[in-house]
C-alpha atoms as a PDB file:
ATOM      1  CA  UNK A   1      77.592  14.643  -1.707  1.00  0.00           C
ATOM      2  CA  UNK A   2      76.827  15.911   2.317  1.00  0.00           C
ATOM      3  CA  UNK A   3      74.360  14.009   4.769  1.00  0.00           C
ATOM      4  CA  UNK A   4      71.840  16.662   3.939  1.00  0.00           C
ATOM      5  CA  UNK A   5      72.169  16.897   1.247  1.00  0.00           C
ATOM      6  CA  UNK A   6      71.025  13.395   0.213  1.00  0.00           C
ATOM      7  CA  UNK A   7      68.612  13.834   2.518  1.00  0.00           C
ATOM      8  CA  UNK A   8      67.083  16.092   0.697  1.00  0.00           C
ATOM      9  CA  UNK A   9      66.882  14.399  -2.532  1.00  0.00           C
ATOM     10  CA  UNK A  10      66.213  10.466  -0.760  1.00  0.00           C
ATOM     11  CA  UNK A  11      62.336  10.005   0.957  1.00  0.00           C
ATOM     12  CA  UNK A  12      63.036   9.305   4.580  1.00  0.00           C
ATOM     13  CA  UNK A  13      62.006   8.265   7.554  1.00  0.00           C
ATOM     14  CA  UNK A  14      63.027   7.199  11.053  1.00  0.00           C
ATOM     15  CA  UNK A  15      62.392   4.345  12.718  1.00  0.00           C
ATOM     16  CA  UNK A  16      64.495   1.786  15.698  1.00  0.00           C
ATOM     17  CA  UNK A  17      67.047  -0.543  14.616  1.00  0.00           C
ATOM     18  CA  UNK A  18      67.179  -3.998  15.005  1.00  0.00           C
ATOM     19  CA  UNK A  19      64.280  -5.622  17.795  1.00  0.00           C
ATOM     20  CA  UNK A  20      63.949  -3.982  20.760  1.00  0.00           C
ATOM     21  CA  UNK A  21      62.293  -5.978  24.255  1.00  0.00           C
ATOM     22  CA  UNK A  22      61.043  -4.076  27.395  1.00  0.00           C
ATOM     23  CA  UNK A  23      59.122  -5.798  30.742  1.00  0.00           C
ATOM     24  CA  UNK A  24      56.403  -4.032  32.981  1.00  0.00           C
ATOM     25  CA  UNK A  25      54.466  -4.989  35.485  1.00  0.00           C
ATOM     26  CA  UNK A  26      51.588  -3.065  37.503  1.00  0.00           C
ATOM     27  CA  UNK A  27      48.525  -4.592  39.881  1.00  0.00           C
ATOM     28  CA  UNK A  28      50.613  -8.157  39.285  1.00  0.00           C
ATOM     29  CA  UNK A  29      49.931  -7.472  35.612  1.00  0.00           C
ATOM     30  CA  UNK A  30      53.147  -8.307  34.219  1.00  0.00           C
ATOM     31  CA  UNK A  31      53.554  -7.132  30.218  1.00  0.00           C
ATOM     32  CA  UNK A  32      56.512  -7.604  28.213  1.00  0.00           C
ATOM     33  CA  UNK A  33      56.926  -5.127  24.589  1.00  0.00           C
ATOM     34  CA  UNK A  34      58.382  -6.160  21.672  1.00  0.00           C
ATOM     35  CA  UNK A  35      59.124  -3.612  18.483  1.00  0.00           C
ATOM     36  CA  UNK A  36      61.477  -4.005  15.743  1.00  0.00           C
ATOM     37  CA  UNK A  37      61.617  -1.984  12.338  1.00  0.00           C
ATOM     38  CA  UNK A  38      59.784  -3.599   9.307  1.00  0.00           C
ATOM     39  CA  UNK A  39      60.199  -3.395   5.784  1.00  0.00           C
ATOM     40  CA  UNK A  40      56.286  -4.031   5.301  1.00  0.00           C
ATOM     41  CA  UNK A  41      53.484  -5.154   6.455  1.00  0.00           C
ATOM     42  CA  UNK A  42      54.256  -8.909   5.660  1.00  0.00           C
ATOM     43  CA  UNK A  43      57.332  -7.672   7.659  1.00  0.00           C
ATOM     44  CA  UNK A  44      55.433  -6.987  10.059  1.00  0.00           C
ATOM     45  CA  UNK A  45      52.183  -9.695  10.317  1.00  0.00           C
ATOM     46  CA  UNK A  46      55.411 -11.916  10.881  1.00  0.00           C
ATOM     47  CA  UNK A  47      56.965 -10.608  13.555  1.00  0.00           C
ATOM     48  CA  UNK A  48      52.747 -10.371  15.781  1.00  0.00           C
ATOM     49  CA  UNK A  49      52.155 -14.207  14.783  1.00  0.00           C
ATOM     50  CA  UNK A  50      56.238 -15.406  15.942  1.00  0.00           C
ATOM     51  CA  UNK A  51      55.208 -13.384  19.168  1.00  0.00           C
ATOM     52  CA  UNK A  52      51.874 -14.545  19.586  1.00  0.00           C
ATOM     53  CA  UNK A  53      53.263 -18.199  19.387  1.00  0.00           C
ATOM     54  CA  UNK A  54      56.105 -17.548  21.607  1.00  0.00           C
ATOM     55  CA  UNK A  55      53.814 -16.261  24.500  1.00  0.00           C
ATOM     56  CA  UNK A  56      51.178 -17.629  24.369  1.00  0.00           C
ATOM     57  CA  UNK A  57      50.363 -19.421  26.950  1.00  0.00           C
ATOM     58  CA  UNK A  58      49.984 -15.107  27.974  1.00  0.00           C
ATOM     59  CA  UNK A  59      46.313 -13.744  28.539  1.00  0.00           C
ATOM     60  CA  UNK A  60      46.910 -11.104  25.403  1.00  0.00           C
ATOM     61  CA  UNK A  61      49.292 -10.369  22.369  1.00  0.00           C
ATOM     62  CA  UNK A  62      47.922  -7.240  21.581  1.00  0.00           C
ATOM     63  CA  UNK A  63      49.796  -4.861  18.948  1.00  0.00           C
ATOM     64  CA  UNK A  64      49.795  -1.804  16.198  1.00  0.00           C
ATOM     65  CA  UNK A  65      52.280  -1.424  12.955  1.00  0.00           C
ATOM     66  CA  UNK A  66      52.938   1.440  10.512  1.00  0.00           C
ATOM     67  CA  UNK A  67      54.125   1.418   7.515  1.00  0.00           C
ATOM     68  CA  UNK A  68      54.094   4.931   5.900  1.00  0.00           C
ATOM     69  CA  UNK A  69      50.166   5.703   5.663  1.00  0.00           C
ATOM     70  CA  UNK A  70      49.311   2.097   6.507  1.00  0.00           C
ATOM     71  CA  UNK A  71      48.245   1.717  10.661  1.00  0.00           C
ATOM     72  CA  UNK A  72      46.652  -0.930  11.895  1.00  0.00           C
ATOM     73  CA  UNK A  73      45.870  -2.353  15.560  1.00  0.00           C
ATOM     74  CA  UNK A  74      44.106  -5.229  17.493  1.00  0.00           C
ATOM     75  CA  UNK A  75      42.920  -5.280  21.186  1.00  0.00           C
ATOM     76  CA  UNK A  76      43.549  -9.268  21.262  1.00  0.00           C
ATOM     77  CA  UNK A  77      40.393  -9.773  23.714  1.00  0.00           C
ATOM     78  CA  UNK A  78      40.804  -6.414  25.830  1.00  0.00           C
ATOM     79  CA  UNK A  79      38.702  -4.087  25.972  1.00  0.00           C
ATOM     80  CA  UNK A  80      37.791  -2.766  22.555  1.00  0.00           C
ATOM     81  CA  UNK A  81      40.115   1.166  22.079  1.00  0.00           C
ATOM     82  CA  UNK A  82      42.269  -0.211  24.947  1.00  0.00           C
ATOM     83  CA  UNK A  83      45.278  -1.382  23.922  1.00  0.00           C
ATOM     84  CA  UNK A  84      45.674  -1.628  20.903  1.00  0.00           C
ATOM     85  CA  UNK A  85      44.941   1.736  20.086  1.00  0.00           C
ATOM     86  CA  UNK A  86      47.230   3.442  22.369  1.00  0.00           C
ATOM     87  CA  UNK A  87      50.356   1.087  21.587  1.00  0.00           C
ATOM     88  CA  UNK A  88      49.301   2.640  17.592  1.00  0.00           C
ATOM     89  CA  UNK A  89      49.246   6.526  19.615  1.00  0.00           C
ATOM     90  CA  UNK A  90      52.390   6.368  20.904  1.00  0.00           C
ATOM     91  CA  UNK A  91      54.362   5.242  18.084  1.00  0.00           C
ATOM     92  CA  UNK A  92      52.733   8.369  15.869  1.00  0.00           C
ATOM     93  CA  UNK A  93      53.343  10.499  19.280  1.00  0.00           C
ATOM     94  CA  UNK A  94      57.399   8.996  19.015  1.00  0.00           C
ATOM     95  CA  UNK A  95      57.636   9.887  15.249  1.00  0.00           C
ATOM     96  CA  UNK A  96      58.727   6.551  13.500  1.00  0.00           C
ATOM     97  CA  UNK A  97      57.546   4.890  10.983  1.00  0.00           C
ATOM     98  CA  UNK A  98      58.394   1.683  10.083  1.00  0.00           C
ATOM     99  CA  UNK A  99      57.707  -0.363  12.645  1.00  0.00           C
ATOM    100  CA  UNK A 100      55.583  -2.644  14.914  1.00  0.00           C
ATOM    101  CA  UNK A 101      55.172  -3.028  18.258  1.00  0.00           C
ATOM    102  CA  UNK A 102      53.463  -6.518  20.548  1.00  0.00           C
ATOM    103  CA  UNK A 103      52.704  -5.616  23.880  1.00  0.00           C
ATOM    104  CA  UNK A 104      52.123  -9.090  25.457  1.00  0.00           C
ATOM    105  CA  UNK A 105      50.097  -9.417  29.036  1.00  0.00           C
ATOM    106  CA  UNK A 106      50.371 -11.204  31.640  1.00  0.00           C
ATOM    107  CA  UNK A 107      47.313 -11.304  33.336  1.00  0.00           C
ATOM    108  CA  UNK A 108      47.886 -11.101  37.493  1.00  0.00           C
ATOM    109  CA  UNK A 109      43.773 -11.483  39.156  1.00  0.00           C
ATOM    110  CA  UNK A 110      43.558  -7.639  39.413  1.00  0.00           C
ATOM    111  CA  UNK A 111      41.748  -5.948  37.142  1.00  0.00           C
ATOM    112  CA  UNK A 112      43.433  -2.261  35.722  1.00  0.00           C
ATOM    113  CA  UNK A 113      40.045  -1.010  34.653  1.00  0.00           C
ATOM    114  CA  UNK A 114      39.873   0.806  30.925  1.00  0.00           C
ATOM    115  CA  UNK A 115      42.208   3.864  31.947  1.00  0.00           C
ATOM    116  CA  UNK A 116      44.613   1.433  33.952  1.00  0.00           C
ATOM    117  CA  UNK A 117      44.640  -0.962  30.722  1.00  0.00           C
ATOM    118  CA  UNK A 118      45.142   2.451  28.032  1.00  0.00           C
ATOM    119  CA  UNK A 119      48.134   3.566  30.603  1.00  0.00           C
ATOM    120  CA  UNK A 120      49.354   0.588  30.848  1.00  0.00           C
ATOM    121  CA  UNK A 121      49.998  -0.197  27.105  1.00  0.00           C
ATOM    122  CA  UNK A 122      51.197   2.907  26.362  1.00  0.00           C
ATOM    123  CA  UNK A 123      53.298   2.917  28.615  1.00  0.00           C
ATOM    124  CA  UNK A 124      55.107  -0.498  27.591  1.00  0.00           C
ATOM    125  CA  UNK A 125      55.413   0.299  24.202  1.00  0.00           C
ATOM    126  CA  UNK A 126      56.793   3.835  25.245  1.00  0.00           C
ATOM    127  CA  UNK A 127      59.363   1.506  27.284  1.00  0.00           C
ATOM    128  CA  UNK A 128      60.032  -0.935  24.451  1.00  0.00           C
ATOM    129  CA  UNK A 129      61.176   2.586  21.896  1.00  0.00           C
ATOM    130  CA  UNK A 130      62.320   4.549  24.538  1.00  0.00           C
ATOM    131  CA  UNK A 131      65.295   1.442  24.454  1.00  0.00           C
ATOM    132  CA  UNK A 132      66.019   1.072  21.365  1.00  0.00           C
ATOM    133  CA  UNK A 133      68.698   2.975  19.254  1.00  0.00           C
ATOM    134  CA  UNK A 134      67.322   5.343  16.298  1.00  0.00           C
ATOM    135  CA  UNK A 135      68.167   5.403  13.329  1.00  0.00           C
ATOM    136  CA  UNK A 136      66.909   7.617  10.136  1.00  0.00           C
ATOM    137  CA  UNK A 137      66.761   4.980   6.738  1.00  0.00           C
ATOM    138  CA  UNK A 138      66.252   5.756   3.181  1.00  0.00           C
ATOM    139  CA  UNK A 139      63.318   4.438   0.794  1.00  0.00           C
ATOM    140  CA  UNK A 140      64.472   2.836  -2.132  1.00  0.00           C
ATOM    141  CA  UNK A 141      65.636  -0.070  -4.553  1.00  0.00           C
ATOM    142  CA  UNK A 142      68.574  -1.694  -5.453  1.00  0.00           C
ATOM    143  CA  UNK A 143      69.379  -2.196  -9.177  1.00  0.00           C
ATOM    144  CA  UNK A 144      72.053  -4.214 -10.203  1.00  0.00           C
ATOM    145  CA  UNK A 145      73.777  -4.149 -13.706  1.00  0.00           C
ATOM    146  CA  UNK A 146      75.921  -6.202 -15.924  1.00  0.00           C
ATOM    147  CA  UNK A 147      77.598  -3.254 -17.959  1.00  0.00           C
ATOM    148  CA  UNK A 148      80.542  -3.452 -20.407  1.00  0.00           C
ATOM    149  CA  UNK A 149      83.972  -2.233 -20.281  1.00  0.00           C
ATOM    150  CA  UNK A 150      83.881   0.614 -22.215  1.00  0.00           C
ATOM    151  CA  UNK A 151      80.604   1.645 -21.226  1.00  0.00           C
ATOM    152  CA  UNK A 152      81.275   2.012 -17.762  1.00  0.00           C
ATOM    153  CA  UNK A 153      82.964   5.508 -17.615  1.00  0.00           C
ATOM    154  CA  UNK A 154      80.089   6.563 -19.402  1.00  0.00           C
ATOM    155  CA  UNK A 155      77.861   4.429 -16.911  1.00  0.00           C
ATOM    156  CA  UNK A 156      79.640   6.492 -13.592  1.00  0.00           C
ATOM    157  CA  UNK A 157      79.315   9.791 -14.940  1.00  0.00           C
ATOM    158  CA  UNK A 158      74.898   9.712 -15.499  1.00  0.00           C
ATOM    159  CA  UNK A 159      74.362   7.973 -12.155  1.00  0.00           C
ATOM    160  CA  UNK A 160      76.971  10.587 -10.154  1.00  0.00           C
ATOM    161  CA  UNK A 161      75.496  13.212 -11.997  1.00  0.00           C
ATOM    162  CA  UNK A 162      72.057  11.867 -10.662  1.00  0.00           C
ATOM    163  CA  UNK A 163      73.158  11.193  -7.258  1.00  0.00           C
ATOM    164  CA  UNK A 164      72.795   7.447  -6.672  1.00  0.00           C
ATOM    165  CA  UNK A 165      74.989   5.537  -4.872  1.00  0.00           C
ATOM    166  CA  UNK A 166      77.034   2.303  -4.766  1.00  0.00           C
ATOM    167  CA  UNK A 167      75.264  -0.501  -2.770  1.00  0.00           C
ATOM    168  CA  UNK A 168      78.118  -2.073  -3.106  1.00  0.00           C
ATOM    169  CA  UNK A 169      81.909  -1.794  -4.726  1.00  0.00           C
ATOM    170  CA  UNK A 170      81.501  -2.815  -7.989  1.00  0.00           C
ATOM    171  CA  UNK A 171      82.919  -6.297  -9.850  1.00  0.00           C
ATOM    172  CA  UNK A 172      85.043  -6.785 -12.345  1.00  0.00           C
ATOM    173  CA  UNK A 173      84.661 -10.028 -14.168  1.00  0.00           C
ATOM    174  CA  UNK A 174      84.552 -10.334 -17.871  1.00  0.00           C
ATOM    175  CA  UNK A 175      81.464  -7.905 -17.303  1.00  0.00           C
ATOM    176  CA  UNK A 176      81.185  -4.989 -14.582  1.00  0.00           C
ATOM    177  CA  UNK A 177      78.743  -5.903 -12.106  1.00  0.00           C
ATOM    178  CA  UNK A 178      77.829  -2.869 -10.397  1.00  0.00           C
ATOM    179  CA  UNK A 179      74.944  -2.666  -7.914  1.00  0.00           C
ATOM    180  CA  UNK A 180      73.102   0.959  -6.963  1.00  0.00           C
ATOM    181  CA  UNK A 181      70.896   2.609  -5.076  1.00  0.00           C
ATOM    182  CA  UNK A 182      68.227   4.071  -6.571  1.00  0.00           C
ATOM    183  CA  UNK A 183      65.500   6.558  -4.948  1.00  0.00           C
ATOM    184  CA  UNK A 184      62.314   4.978  -4.709  1.00  0.00           C
ATOM    185  CA  UNK A 185      59.735   6.292  -7.549  1.00  0.00           C
ATOM    186  CA  UNK A 186      62.597   6.315  -9.673  1.00  0.00           C
ATOM    187  CA  UNK A 187      63.650   3.576 -11.809  1.00  0.00           C
ATOM    188  CA  UNK A 188      66.238   2.736 -15.206  1.00  0.00           C
ATOM    189  CA  UNK A 189      65.174   1.664 -18.410  1.00  0.00           C
ATOM    190  CA  UNK A 190      66.771  -0.971 -19.431  1.00  0.00           C
ATOM    191  CA  UNK A 191      66.114  -5.467 -19.754  1.00  0.00           C
ATOM    192  CA  UNK A 192      69.807  -5.937 -17.272  1.00  0.00           C
ATOM    193  CA  UNK A 193      68.901  -4.222 -14.564  1.00  0.00           C
ATOM    194  CA  UNK A 194      67.161  -6.527 -11.720  1.00  0.00           C
ATOM    195  CA  UNK A 195      65.316  -4.424  -9.148  1.00  0.00           C
ATOM    196  CA  UNK A 196      65.160  -5.464  -5.363  1.00  0.00           C
ATOM    197  CA  UNK A 197      63.880  -3.835  -2.320  1.00  0.00           C
ATOM    198  CA  UNK A 198      66.188  -2.586   0.106  1.00  0.00           C
ATOM    199  CA  UNK A 199      66.548   0.323   2.386  1.00  0.00           C
ATOM    200  CA  UNK A 200      70.007   1.766   3.961  1.00  0.00           C
ATOM    201  CA  UNK A 201      70.714   3.327   6.936  1.00  0.00           C
ATOM    202  CA  UNK A 202      72.018   7.054   6.519  1.00  0.00           C
ATOM    203  CA  UNK A 203      74.469   6.347   8.962  1.00  0.00           C
ATOM    204  CA  UNK A 204      76.037   4.054   6.303  1.00  0.00           C
ATOM    205  CA  UNK A 205      75.281   6.007   2.946  1.00  0.00           C
ATOM    206  CA  UNK A 206      78.857   8.041   2.553  1.00  0.00           C
ATOM    207  CA  UNK A 207      80.824   4.901   1.734  1.00  0.00           C
ATOM    208  CA  UNK A 208      78.612   4.185  -0.964  1.00  0.00           C
ATOM    209  CA  UNK A 209      79.049   7.640  -2.429  1.00  0.00           C
ATOM    210  CA  UNK A 210      79.772   7.539  -6.353  1.00  0.00           C
END
């Protein structure tokens, strides 16, 4: 199955890989932007909390994150809609999803004004995005299955026909343990399947093909 075929079958989105950090200075104010790919709102909040603790001496730790249809932002004490919303608009303009950006500001004694704040926070967020590596991610679940040897070939046929992917090579023991990647919103009805969230990069998919 070609990558293009997979992209059509699975729900995908573009985000950054890992954590991206950028710095920016304007009129003595010092901005540090941290961007991260996230899998959930909970992970976004944890990242925001961590950055805020790391830079607890800063004047502001403003942020925005996007997880599909969910979008949230905070000005963290800056004038209304002068920081969080500009960060979020920058995220949306980039076409990225499942991402959180925290922009930390150390005030340098010169006020930037409303327009200046909007521009500064937008630019700081843009720098973090531009310095990051982009990747397409595939949404889905991993099912771990213990199957008898006599049923293994039949199971492989069903999964291959469905377009499912191996999440890792099968493990052969008393039974055969298989972990397969299943698209979002699809389920396998069997009591021996244990589900766990996972996202696989598109660039990693070929080696998981059945």
